[in-house]
Amino acid sequence: MLRECVRLAREENRLVVFLEPIALYPMRDLHAEKDGAWMDVYPQANERLGFGDIGVTGEGTDLAILTYGNGVYLSHQARKTLAEDGLAVRIIDLRWLAPLPEAAILDAISGVKSVLVVDECRRSGNIGEALMTLLAENGITRSARVAAEDSFIATGPAYAATLPCAPGIAQAARTLAGRAS
């Protein structure tokens, strides 16, 4: 993505803002200590992630999770729990937030029963609202949203108190799918 951002700035004279969730910098493991499941190989120089391309993990039809940044990591953690519950989930990493890749999003959620939006930013005034609007405008009514609370973001040990978490995502997904426990 960073290569594409540089290309967009140089070749198309676009103003580009690249966001990275610093909380993921030290992450290596996804489900258990030393599993290395969050590690990925850096793409080769000739590989391109184009403007508006999204990432899709899984082919599940029970639920699609629309997310970005830390939400991708947390949703992958929740996906394992949901699979153990018999829910087939696909995770859609938005990657590009403005403009939203609406056609790609709608294509990626095609054929799923429910859509869960996971937004690590505050509930009010963020991308989650735009995603919920996109879903509603396209007749997708079996949807819900998990977002951070409208609050200041704490530091230190309380940093995650207001943020979404993998168990919360899994519970919202179960509820949406009609399998609340």
N, C-alpha and C. Protein backbone atom coordinates (compact mmCIF):
# COMPACT_ATOMS: atom_id res chain seq x y z
N MET A 1 0.82 -1.19 0.00
CA MET A 1 0.00 0.00 0.00
C MET A 1 0.86 1.25 0.00
N LEU A 2 1.95 1.20 0.76
CA LEU A 2 2.82 2.37 0.82
C LEU A 2 3.40 2.68 -0.56
N ARG A 3 3.79 1.63 -1.28
CA ARG A 3 4.28 1.84 -2.66
C ARG A 3 3.21 2.51 -3.53
N GLU A 4 1.99 2.05 -3.39
CA GLU A 4 0.90 2.63 -4.19
C GLU A 4 0.64 4.07 -3.78
N CYS A 5 0.75 4.38 -2.49
CA CYS A 5 0.57 5.76 -2.03
C CYS A 5 1.64 6.67 -2.64
N VAL A 6 2.88 6.20 -2.67
CA VAL A 6 3.96 6.99 -3.29
C VAL A 6 3.67 7.18 -4.77
N ARG A 7 3.23 6.12 -5.44
CA ARG A 7 2.90 6.22 -6.87
C ARG A 7 1.76 7.22 -7.10
N LEU A 8 0.73 7.16 -6.27
CA LEU A 8 -0.40 8.09 -6.42
C LEU A 8 0.06 9.53 -6.24
N ALA A 9 0.94 9.77 -5.28
CA ALA A 9 1.44 11.12 -5.05
C ALA A 9 2.32 11.59 -6.21
N ARG A 10 3.20 10.75 -6.66
CA ARG A 10 4.13 11.14 -7.73
C ARG A 10 3.48 11.24 -9.09
N GLU A 11 2.75 10.20 -9.48
CA GLU A 11 2.23 10.13 -10.84
C GLU A 11 0.89 10.83 -11.03
N GLU A 12 0.08 10.85 -9.97
CA GLU A 12 -1.26 11.44 -10.10
C GLU A 12 -1.40 12.72 -9.30
N ASN A 13 -0.32 13.16 -8.68
CA ASN A 13 -0.32 14.38 -7.87
C ASN A 13 -1.42 14.38 -6.81
N ARG A 14 -1.70 13.22 -6.25
CA ARG A 14 -2.72 13.12 -5.20
C ARG A 14 -2.11 13.44 -3.85
N LEU A 15 -2.91 13.99 -3.00
CA LEU A 15 -2.54 14.14 -1.61
C LEU A 15 -2.90 12.82 -0.94
N VAL A 16 -1.93 12.17 -0.32
CA VAL A 16 -2.13 10.85 0.24
C VAL A 16 -1.78 10.87 1.73
N VAL A 17 -2.63 10.27 2.53
CA VAL A 17 -2.36 10.10 3.95
C VAL A 17 -2.32 8.60 4.21
N PHE A 18 -1.23 8.13 4.77
CA PHE A 18 -1.04 6.71 5.05
C PHE A 18 -1.12 6.51 6.56
N LEU A 19 -2.06 5.69 7.01
CA LEU A 19 -2.24 5.44 8.44
C LEU A 19 -1.80 4.02 8.77
N GLU A 20 -1.12 3.89 9.88
CA GLU A 20 -0.73 2.57 10.36
C GLU A 20 -1.09 2.46 11.84
N PRO A 21 -1.68 1.33 12.23
CA PRO A 21 -1.97 1.15 13.65
C PRO A 21 -0.69 0.74 14.40
N ILE A 22 -0.16 1.63 15.19
CA ILE A 22 1.11 1.35 15.87
C ILE A 22 0.97 0.18 16.84
N ALA A 23 -0.23 -0.10 17.28
CA ALA A 23 -0.42 -1.22 18.20
C ALA A 23 -0.04 -2.55 17.55
N LEU A 24 -0.04 -2.59 16.21
CA LEU A 24 0.28 -3.85 15.52
C LEU A 24 1.77 -4.01 15.23
N TYR A 25 2.57 -2.97 15.45
CA TYR A 25 4.01 -3.07 15.18
C TYR A 25 4.66 -4.28 15.85
N PRO A 26 4.42 -4.52 17.13
CA PRO A 26 5.12 -5.63 17.77
C PRO A 26 4.43 -6.99 17.59
N MET A 27 3.30 -7.03 16.92
CA MET A 27 2.53 -8.27 16.84
C MET A 27 3.17 -9.27 15.89
N ARG A 28 3.33 -10.47 16.38
CA ARG A 28 3.83 -11.58 15.57
C ARG A 28 2.83 -12.72 15.58
N ASP A 29 2.17 -12.87 16.73
CA ASP A 29 1.29 -14.00 16.96
C ASP A 29 -0.17 -13.56 16.85
N LEU A 30 -1.03 -14.50 16.46
CA LEU A 30 -2.44 -14.18 16.29
C LEU A 30 -3.30 -14.88 17.35
N HIS A 31 -3.10 -16.17 17.52
CA HIS A 31 -3.96 -16.92 18.44
C HIS A 31 -3.25 -17.44 19.68
N ALA A 32 -1.97 -17.75 19.55
CA ALA A 32 -1.23 -18.30 20.68
C ALA A 32 0.22 -17.81 20.62
N GLU A 33 0.84 -17.78 21.76
CA GLU A 33 2.22 -17.32 21.83
C GLU A 33 3.11 -18.16 20.90
N LYS A 34 3.90 -17.46 20.10
CA LYS A 34 4.86 -18.05 19.16
C LYS A 34 4.22 -18.79 17.99
N ASP A 35 2.91 -18.51 17.69
CA ASP A 35 2.32 -19.16 16.51
C ASP A 35 2.75 -18.47 15.21
N GLY A 36 3.24 -17.23 15.31
CA GLY A 36 3.72 -16.51 14.13
C GLY A 36 2.65 -16.28 13.07
N ALA A 37 1.39 -16.46 13.41
CA ALA A 37 0.31 -16.41 12.43
C ALA A 37 0.00 -15.00 11.93
N TRP A 38 0.52 -13.98 12.57
CA TRP A 38 0.27 -12.61 12.11
C TRP A 38 1.39 -12.13 11.20
N MET A 39 2.45 -12.90 11.10
CA MET A 39 3.59 -12.52 10.26
C MET A 39 3.24 -12.71 8.79
N ASP A 40 3.76 -11.83 7.98
CA ASP A 40 3.53 -11.91 6.54
C ASP A 40 4.82 -11.54 5.83
N VAL A 41 4.98 -12.04 4.64
CA VAL A 41 6.16 -11.72 3.85
C VAL A 41 5.88 -10.43 3.09
N TYR A 42 6.84 -9.53 3.12
CA TYR A 42 6.68 -8.26 2.42
C TYR A 42 6.58 -8.53 0.93
N PRO A 43 5.66 -7.89 0.23
CA PRO A 43 5.49 -8.14 -1.21
C PRO A 43 6.75 -7.80 -2.01
N GLN A 44 6.93 -8.53 -3.06
CA GLN A 44 8.05 -8.26 -3.96
C GLN A 44 7.83 -6.92 -4.66
N ALA A 45 8.90 -6.34 -5.17
CA ALA A 45 8.85 -5.00 -5.79
C ALA A 45 7.88 -4.96 -6.97
N ASN A 46 7.68 -6.08 -7.67
CA ASN A 46 6.79 -6.08 -8.83
C ASN A 46 5.33 -6.34 -8.47
N GLU A 47 5.05 -6.67 -7.20
CA GLU A 47 3.68 -6.87 -6.77
C GLU A 47 3.04 -5.52 -6.47
N ARG A 48 1.77 -5.39 -6.86
CA ARG A 48 1.10 -4.10 -6.69
C ARG A 48 -0.25 -4.29 -6.00
N LEU A 49 -0.49 -3.47 -5.02
CA LEU A 49 -1.80 -3.40 -4.38
C LEU A 49 -2.40 -2.08 -4.85
N GLY A 50 -3.29 -2.14 -5.81
CA GLY A 50 -3.80 -0.95 -6.46
C GLY A 50 -4.75 -0.13 -5.60
N PHE A 51 -4.87 1.12 -5.97
CA PHE A 51 -5.78 2.05 -5.30
C PHE A 51 -7.19 1.49 -5.37
N GLY A 52 -7.81 1.30 -4.22
CA GLY A 52 -9.18 0.79 -4.15
C GLY A 52 -9.26 -0.72 -4.01
N ASP A 53 -8.12 -1.44 -4.10
CA ASP A 53 -8.13 -2.89 -3.89
C ASP A 53 -8.39 -3.18 -2.42
N ILE A 54 -9.21 -4.16 -2.17
CA ILE A 54 -9.48 -4.57 -0.79
C ILE A 54 -8.94 -5.97 -0.58
N GLY A 55 -8.83 -6.37 0.67
CA GLY A 55 -8.39 -7.73 0.98
C GLY A 55 -9.55 -8.54 1.51
N VAL A 56 -9.66 -9.77 1.04
CA VAL A 56 -10.72 -10.67 1.50
C VAL A 56 -10.06 -11.96 1.99
N THR A 57 -10.38 -12.32 3.23
CA THR A 57 -9.90 -13.57 3.80
C THR A 57 -11.10 -14.46 4.07
N GLY A 58 -11.10 -15.63 3.49
CA GLY A 58 -12.19 -16.58 3.70
C GLY A 58 -13.31 -16.41 2.70
N GLU A 59 -14.12 -17.44 2.62
CA GLU A 59 -15.25 -17.44 1.69
C GLU A 59 -16.58 -17.67 2.40
N GLY A 60 -16.57 -17.51 3.71
CA GLY A 60 -17.77 -17.77 4.50
C GLY A 60 -18.98 -17.00 4.02
N THR A 61 -20.15 -17.61 4.16
CA THR A 61 -21.38 -16.95 3.73
C THR A 61 -22.30 -16.60 4.90
N ASP A 62 -21.95 -17.03 6.12
CA ASP A 62 -22.78 -16.68 7.27
C ASP A 62 -22.63 -15.21 7.62
N LEU A 63 -21.40 -14.71 7.55
CA LEU A 63 -21.12 -13.36 8.02
C LEU A 63 -19.89 -12.79 7.31
N ALA A 64 -19.96 -11.52 6.97
CA ALA A 64 -18.79 -10.78 6.49
C ALA A 64 -18.49 -9.71 7.52
N ILE A 65 -17.21 -9.55 7.82
CA ILE A 65 -16.78 -8.49 8.73
C ILE A 65 -16.04 -7.46 7.90
N LEU A 66 -16.56 -6.23 7.88
CA LEU A 66 -15.92 -5.11 7.19
C LEU A 66 -15.09 -4.35 8.20
N THR A 67 -13.79 -4.19 7.94
CA THR A 67 -12.94 -3.55 8.92
C THR A 67 -11.66 -3.02 8.29
N TYR A 68 -10.79 -2.47 9.11
CA TYR A 68 -9.50 -1.94 8.68
C TYR A 68 -8.59 -1.83 9.90
N GLY A 69 -7.30 -1.63 9.69
CA GLY A 69 -6.36 -1.40 10.78
C GLY A 69 -6.39 -2.48 11.85
N ASN A 70 -6.44 -2.08 13.12
CA ASN A 70 -6.48 -3.03 14.24
C ASN A 70 -7.69 -3.95 14.14
N GLY A 71 -8.75 -3.47 13.52
CA GLY A 71 -9.95 -4.30 13.39
C GLY A 71 -9.69 -5.58 12.60
N VAL A 72 -8.75 -5.53 11.66
CA VAL A 72 -8.42 -6.72 10.88
C VAL A 72 -7.81 -7.78 11.81
N TYR A 73 -6.86 -7.36 12.61
CA TYR A 73 -6.21 -8.27 13.56
C TYR A 73 -7.23 -8.86 14.53
N LEU A 74 -8.02 -8.01 15.14
CA LEU A 74 -9.03 -8.46 16.11
C LEU A 74 -10.08 -9.36 15.47
N SER A 75 -10.47 -9.04 14.24
CA SER A 75 -11.47 -9.84 13.55
C SER A 75 -10.94 -11.23 13.20
N HIS A 76 -9.65 -11.31 12.87
CA HIS A 76 -9.04 -12.64 12.63
C HIS A 76 -9.04 -13.46 13.91
N GLN A 77 -8.80 -12.81 15.04
CA GLN A 77 -8.88 -13.54 16.31
C GLN A 77 -10.31 -14.02 16.56
N ALA A 78 -11.28 -13.15 16.34
CA ALA A 78 -12.68 -13.51 16.55
C ALA A 78 -13.13 -14.59 15.57
N ARG A 79 -12.60 -14.56 14.34
CA ARG A 79 -12.99 -15.52 13.31
C ARG A 79 -12.72 -16.95 13.76
N LYS A 80 -11.60 -17.18 14.43
CA LYS A 80 -11.29 -18.52 14.91
C LYS A 80 -12.35 -19.00 15.89
N THR A 81 -12.74 -18.15 16.83
CA THR A 81 -13.78 -18.49 17.80
C THR A 81 -15.10 -18.75 17.10
N LEU A 82 -15.42 -17.91 16.13
CA LEU A 82 -16.68 -18.06 15.41
C LEU A 82 -16.71 -19.35 14.60
N ALA A 83 -15.57 -19.74 14.03
CA ALA A 83 -15.49 -21.00 13.28
C ALA A 83 -15.76 -22.18 14.22
N GLU A 84 -15.25 -22.09 15.43
CA GLU A 84 -15.50 -23.14 16.43
C GLU A 84 -16.98 -23.22 16.78
N ASP A 85 -17.69 -22.09 16.61
CA ASP A 85 -19.14 -22.05 16.86
C ASP A 85 -19.94 -22.45 15.61
N GLY A 86 -19.24 -22.78 14.53
CA GLY A 86 -19.92 -23.20 13.30
C GLY A 86 -20.30 -22.08 12.36
N LEU A 87 -19.79 -20.87 12.59
CA LEU A 87 -20.08 -19.74 11.70
C LEU A 87 -18.98 -19.59 10.65
N ALA A 88 -19.36 -19.55 9.41
CA ALA A 88 -18.41 -19.36 8.31
C ALA A 88 -18.31 -17.86 8.01
N VAL A 89 -17.13 -17.31 8.28
CA VAL A 89 -16.92 -15.86 8.24
C VAL A 89 -15.88 -15.48 7.20
N ARG A 90 -16.13 -14.39 6.51
CA ARG A 90 -15.10 -13.78 5.66
C ARG A 90 -14.79 -12.41 6.22
N ILE A 91 -13.52 -12.05 6.16
CA ILE A 91 -13.06 -10.76 6.66
C ILE A 91 -12.65 -9.90 5.47
N ILE A 92 -13.16 -8.69 5.45
CA ILE A 92 -12.85 -7.76 4.37
C ILE A 92 -12.06 -6.60 4.93
N ASP A 93 -10.81 -6.51 4.51
CA ASP A 93 -9.92 -5.43 4.92
C ASP A 93 -10.10 -4.29 3.91
N LEU A 94 -10.66 -3.19 4.36
CA LEU A 94 -10.97 -2.07 3.46
C LEU A 94 -9.72 -1.47 2.81
N ARG A 95 -8.67 -1.36 3.56
CA ARG A 95 -7.38 -0.80 3.13
C ARG A 95 -7.47 0.67 2.74
N TRP A 96 -8.38 1.06 1.91
CA TRP A 96 -8.52 2.45 1.44
C TRP A 96 -9.79 3.02 2.05
N LEU A 97 -9.67 4.15 2.74
CA LEU A 97 -10.82 4.70 3.46
C LEU A 97 -11.48 5.89 2.79
N ALA A 98 -10.74 6.61 1.97
CA ALA A 98 -11.32 7.78 1.32
C ALA A 98 -10.71 7.96 -0.07
N PRO A 99 -11.49 7.83 -1.08
CA PRO A 99 -12.90 7.43 -1.05
C PRO A 99 -13.03 5.94 -0.76
N LEU A 100 -14.14 5.58 -0.17
CA LEU A 100 -14.40 4.16 0.10
C LEU A 100 -14.52 3.40 -1.22
N PRO A 101 -13.92 2.24 -1.32
CA PRO A 101 -14.06 1.43 -2.54
C PRO A 101 -15.42 0.71 -2.55
N GLU A 102 -16.48 1.48 -2.75
CA GLU A 102 -17.84 0.97 -2.57
C GLU A 102 -18.16 -0.23 -3.44
N ALA A 103 -17.82 -0.18 -4.73
CA ALA A 103 -18.13 -1.31 -5.62
C ALA A 103 -17.41 -2.57 -5.16
N ALA A 104 -16.16 -2.44 -4.76
CA ALA A 104 -15.39 -3.59 -4.29
C ALA A 104 -15.98 -4.15 -2.99
N ILE A 105 -16.43 -3.27 -2.11
CA ILE A 105 -17.05 -3.70 -0.85
C ILE A 105 -18.32 -4.48 -1.14
N LEU A 106 -19.17 -3.92 -1.97
CA LEU A 106 -20.44 -4.59 -2.29
C LEU A 106 -20.21 -5.93 -2.97
N ASP A 107 -19.21 -6.00 -3.82
CA ASP A 107 -18.86 -7.26 -4.47
C ASP A 107 -18.37 -8.27 -3.44
N ALA A 108 -17.54 -7.82 -2.51
CA ALA A 108 -16.94 -8.71 -1.51
C ALA A 108 -17.97 -9.26 -0.53
N ILE A 109 -19.04 -8.54 -0.27
CA ILE A 109 -20.06 -9.03 0.68
C ILE A 109 -21.20 -9.76 -0.02
N SER A 110 -21.10 -9.86 -1.32
CA SER A 110 -22.14 -10.55 -2.08
C SER A 110 -22.29 -12.00 -1.60
N GLY A 111 -23.50 -12.39 -1.35
CA GLY A 111 -23.78 -13.77 -0.96
C GLY A 111 -23.70 -14.07 0.52
N VAL A 112 -23.41 -13.07 1.35
CA VAL A 112 -23.37 -13.32 2.79
C VAL A 112 -24.73 -12.99 3.41
N LYS A 113 -25.00 -13.65 4.52
CA LYS A 113 -26.28 -13.44 5.19
C LYS A 113 -26.30 -12.18 6.03
N SER A 114 -25.16 -11.85 6.66
CA SER A 114 -25.09 -10.70 7.56
C SER A 114 -23.74 -10.01 7.40
N VAL A 115 -23.71 -8.72 7.76
CA VAL A 115 -22.48 -7.94 7.68
C VAL A 115 -22.26 -7.22 9.01
N LEU A 116 -21.06 -7.40 9.56
CA LEU A 116 -20.68 -6.72 10.79
C LEU A 116 -19.57 -5.73 10.47
N VAL A 117 -19.78 -4.47 10.82
CA VAL A 117 -18.77 -3.43 10.63
C VAL A 117 -17.99 -3.32 11.94
N VAL A 118 -16.67 -3.42 11.86
CA VAL A 118 -15.81 -3.27 13.03
C VAL A 118 -14.94 -2.05 12.80
N ASP A 119 -15.15 -1.03 13.64
CA ASP A 119 -14.46 0.25 13.50
C ASP A 119 -13.79 0.59 14.82
N GLU A 120 -12.47 0.65 14.83
CA GLU A 120 -11.76 0.91 16.08
C GLU A 120 -11.83 2.37 16.52
N CYS A 121 -12.31 3.23 15.66
CA CYS A 121 -12.43 4.64 16.03
C CYS A 121 -13.75 4.89 16.74
N ARG A 122 -13.90 6.09 17.24
CA ARG A 122 -15.11 6.43 18.01
C ARG A 122 -16.38 6.16 17.22
N ARG A 123 -17.41 5.84 17.94
CA ARG A 123 -18.70 5.50 17.34
C ARG A 123 -19.26 6.64 16.48
N SER A 124 -19.10 7.87 16.90
CA SER A 124 -19.65 9.03 16.18
C SER A 124 -18.63 9.64 15.24
N GLY A 125 -19.07 9.94 14.04
CA GLY A 125 -18.27 10.70 13.10
C GLY A 125 -17.10 9.95 12.51
N ASN A 126 -17.30 8.66 12.22
CA ASN A 126 -16.19 7.93 11.63
C ASN A 126 -16.65 7.03 10.50
N ILE A 127 -15.71 6.27 9.98
CA ILE A 127 -15.93 5.48 8.77
C ILE A 127 -17.06 4.46 8.96
N GLY A 128 -17.25 3.98 10.18
CA GLY A 128 -18.31 3.02 10.44
C GLY A 128 -19.68 3.55 10.04
N GLU A 129 -19.90 4.82 10.27
CA GLU A 129 -21.18 5.43 9.87
C GLU A 129 -21.35 5.40 8.35
N ALA A 130 -20.28 5.69 7.63
CA ALA A 130 -20.35 5.66 6.16
C ALA A 130 -20.60 4.24 5.66
N LEU A 131 -19.99 3.26 6.30
CA LEU A 131 -20.19 1.87 5.90
C LEU A 131 -21.62 1.42 6.17
N MET A 132 -22.17 1.79 7.32
CA MET A 132 -23.56 1.44 7.63
C MET A 132 -24.52 2.09 6.64
N THR A 133 -24.22 3.32 6.25
CA THR A 133 -25.04 4.01 5.25
C THR A 133 -24.96 3.30 3.91
N LEU A 134 -23.75 2.92 3.50
CA LEU A 134 -23.57 2.19 2.24
C LEU A 134 -24.40 0.91 2.26
N LEU A 135 -24.36 0.18 3.35
CA LEU A 135 -25.13 -1.06 3.45
C LEU A 135 -26.63 -0.78 3.36
N ALA A 136 -27.10 0.20 4.12
CA ALA A 136 -28.53 0.53 4.12
C ALA A 136 -29.00 0.99 2.74
N GLU A 137 -28.21 1.82 2.08
CA GLU A 137 -28.59 2.32 0.76
C GLU A 137 -28.64 1.21 -0.29
N ASN A 138 -27.98 0.11 -0.01
CA ASN A 138 -27.97 -1.01 -0.94
C ASN A 138 -28.82 -2.18 -0.46
N GLY A 139 -29.72 -1.90 0.47
CA GLY A 139 -30.70 -2.88 0.91
C GLY A 139 -30.16 -3.99 1.79
N ILE A 140 -29.01 -3.79 2.38
CA ILE A 140 -28.43 -4.80 3.26
C ILE A 140 -28.83 -4.44 4.69
N THR A 141 -29.86 -5.11 5.17
CA THR A 141 -30.43 -4.74 6.46
C THR A 141 -29.94 -5.61 7.61
N ARG A 142 -29.43 -6.79 7.33
CA ARG A 142 -28.88 -7.64 8.40
C ARG A 142 -27.44 -7.21 8.65
N SER A 143 -27.32 -6.11 9.36
CA SER A 143 -25.99 -5.56 9.63
C SER A 143 -25.96 -4.98 11.03
N ALA A 144 -24.75 -4.86 11.56
CA ALA A 144 -24.54 -4.26 12.87
C ALA A 144 -23.15 -3.67 12.89
N ARG A 145 -22.85 -2.91 13.95
CA ARG A 145 -21.56 -2.23 14.04
C ARG A 145 -20.99 -2.37 15.44
N VAL A 146 -19.70 -2.63 15.49
CA VAL A 146 -18.93 -2.61 16.73
C VAL A 146 -17.93 -1.48 16.56
N ALA A 147 -17.94 -0.55 17.50
CA ALA A 147 -17.03 0.61 17.40
C ALA A 147 -16.54 0.98 18.79
N ALA A 148 -15.52 1.81 18.81
CA ALA A 148 -15.02 2.33 20.08
C ALA A 148 -16.08 3.24 20.68
N GLU A 149 -16.04 3.38 21.97
CA GLU A 149 -16.97 4.27 22.65
C GLU A 149 -16.61 5.72 22.37
N ASP A 150 -17.61 6.58 22.41
CA ASP A 150 -17.37 8.02 22.28
C ASP A 150 -16.75 8.50 23.58
N SER A 151 -15.45 8.54 23.63
CA SER A 151 -14.74 8.87 24.85
C SER A 151 -13.32 9.26 24.48
N PHE A 152 -12.60 9.81 25.45
CA PHE A 152 -11.19 10.08 25.20
C PHE A 152 -10.47 8.74 25.11
N ILE A 153 -9.34 8.71 24.46
CA ILE A 153 -8.55 7.49 24.36
C ILE A 153 -7.51 7.52 25.47
N ALA A 154 -7.63 6.60 26.37
CA ALA A 154 -6.72 6.54 27.51
C ALA A 154 -5.35 6.04 27.08
N THR A 155 -4.37 6.28 27.91
CA THR A 155 -3.03 5.76 27.67
C THR A 155 -2.68 4.79 28.80
N GLY A 156 -1.53 4.17 28.69
CA GLY A 156 -1.11 3.24 29.72
C GLY A 156 -1.98 1.99 29.72
N PRO A 157 -2.14 1.36 30.87
CA PRO A 157 -2.88 0.10 30.95
C PRO A 157 -4.35 0.22 30.54
N ALA A 158 -4.91 1.41 30.57
CA ALA A 158 -6.33 1.58 30.23
C ALA A 158 -6.56 1.87 28.75
N TYR A 159 -5.52 1.77 27.92
CA TYR A 159 -5.63 2.18 26.51
C TYR A 159 -6.76 1.48 25.77
N ALA A 160 -7.05 0.23 26.09
CA ALA A 160 -8.04 -0.53 25.32
C ALA A 160 -9.43 -0.52 25.95
N ALA A 161 -9.61 0.20 27.03
CA ALA A 161 -10.89 0.16 27.75
C ALA A 161 -12.08 0.55 26.89
N THR A 162 -11.91 1.46 25.96
CA THR A 162 -13.04 1.92 25.15
C THR A 162 -13.05 1.32 23.75
N LEU A 163 -12.05 0.49 23.42
CA LEU A 163 -11.89 -0.02 22.06
C LEU A 163 -12.56 -1.37 21.86
N PRO A 164 -12.88 -1.72 20.61
CA PRO A 164 -13.39 -3.06 20.35
C PRO A 164 -12.34 -4.11 20.72
N CYS A 165 -12.81 -5.33 21.01
CA CYS A 165 -11.92 -6.43 21.34
C CYS A 165 -12.43 -7.69 20.64
N ALA A 166 -11.57 -8.68 20.51
CA ALA A 166 -11.95 -9.91 19.81
C ALA A 166 -13.18 -10.58 20.42
N PRO A 167 -13.26 -10.73 21.76
CA PRO A 167 -14.47 -11.34 22.33
C PRO A 167 -15.74 -10.51 22.05
N GLY A 168 -15.63 -9.19 22.07
CA GLY A 168 -16.78 -8.34 21.76
C GLY A 168 -17.22 -8.47 20.31
N ILE A 169 -16.25 -8.59 19.42
CA ILE A 169 -16.55 -8.78 18.00
C ILE A 169 -17.26 -10.12 17.80
N ALA A 170 -16.73 -11.16 18.44
CA ALA A 170 -17.34 -12.49 18.33
C ALA A 170 -18.77 -12.48 18.86
N GLN A 171 -19.00 -11.82 19.99
CA GLN A 171 -20.35 -11.77 20.56
C GLN A 171 -21.31 -11.01 19.64
N ALA A 172 -20.86 -9.88 19.09
CA ALA A 172 -21.71 -9.13 18.16
C ALA A 172 -22.02 -9.96 16.92
N ALA A 173 -21.05 -10.73 16.45
CA ALA A 173 -21.26 -11.58 15.28
C ALA A 173 -22.27 -12.68 15.58
N ARG A 174 -22.14 -13.30 16.75
CA ARG A 174 -23.11 -14.33 17.14
C ARG A 174 -24.53 -13.76 17.23
N THR A 175 -24.64 -12.61 17.83
CA THR A 175 -25.95 -11.96 17.97
C THR A 175 -26.54 -11.66 16.60
N LEU A 176 -25.73 -11.10 15.72
CA LEU A 176 -26.20 -10.77 14.37
C LEU A 176 -26.63 -12.03 13.61
N ALA A 177 -25.89 -13.12 13.80
CA ALA A 177 -26.19 -14.37 13.11
C ALA A 177 -27.30 -15.18 13.79
N GLY A 178 -27.83 -14.64 14.89
CA GLY A 178 -28.90 -15.34 15.60
C GLY A 178 -28.42 -16.50 16.44
N ARG A 179 -27.13 -16.45 16.84
CA ARG A 179 -26.56 -17.52 17.65
C ARG A 179 -25.98 -16.99 18.94
N ALA A 180 -26.63 -15.99 19.50
CA ALA A 180 -26.12 -15.38 20.75
C ALA A 180 -26.10 -16.41 21.85
N SER A 181 -25.01 -16.34 22.63
CA SER A 181 -24.90 -17.29 23.74
C SER A 181 -25.04 -16.58 25.06
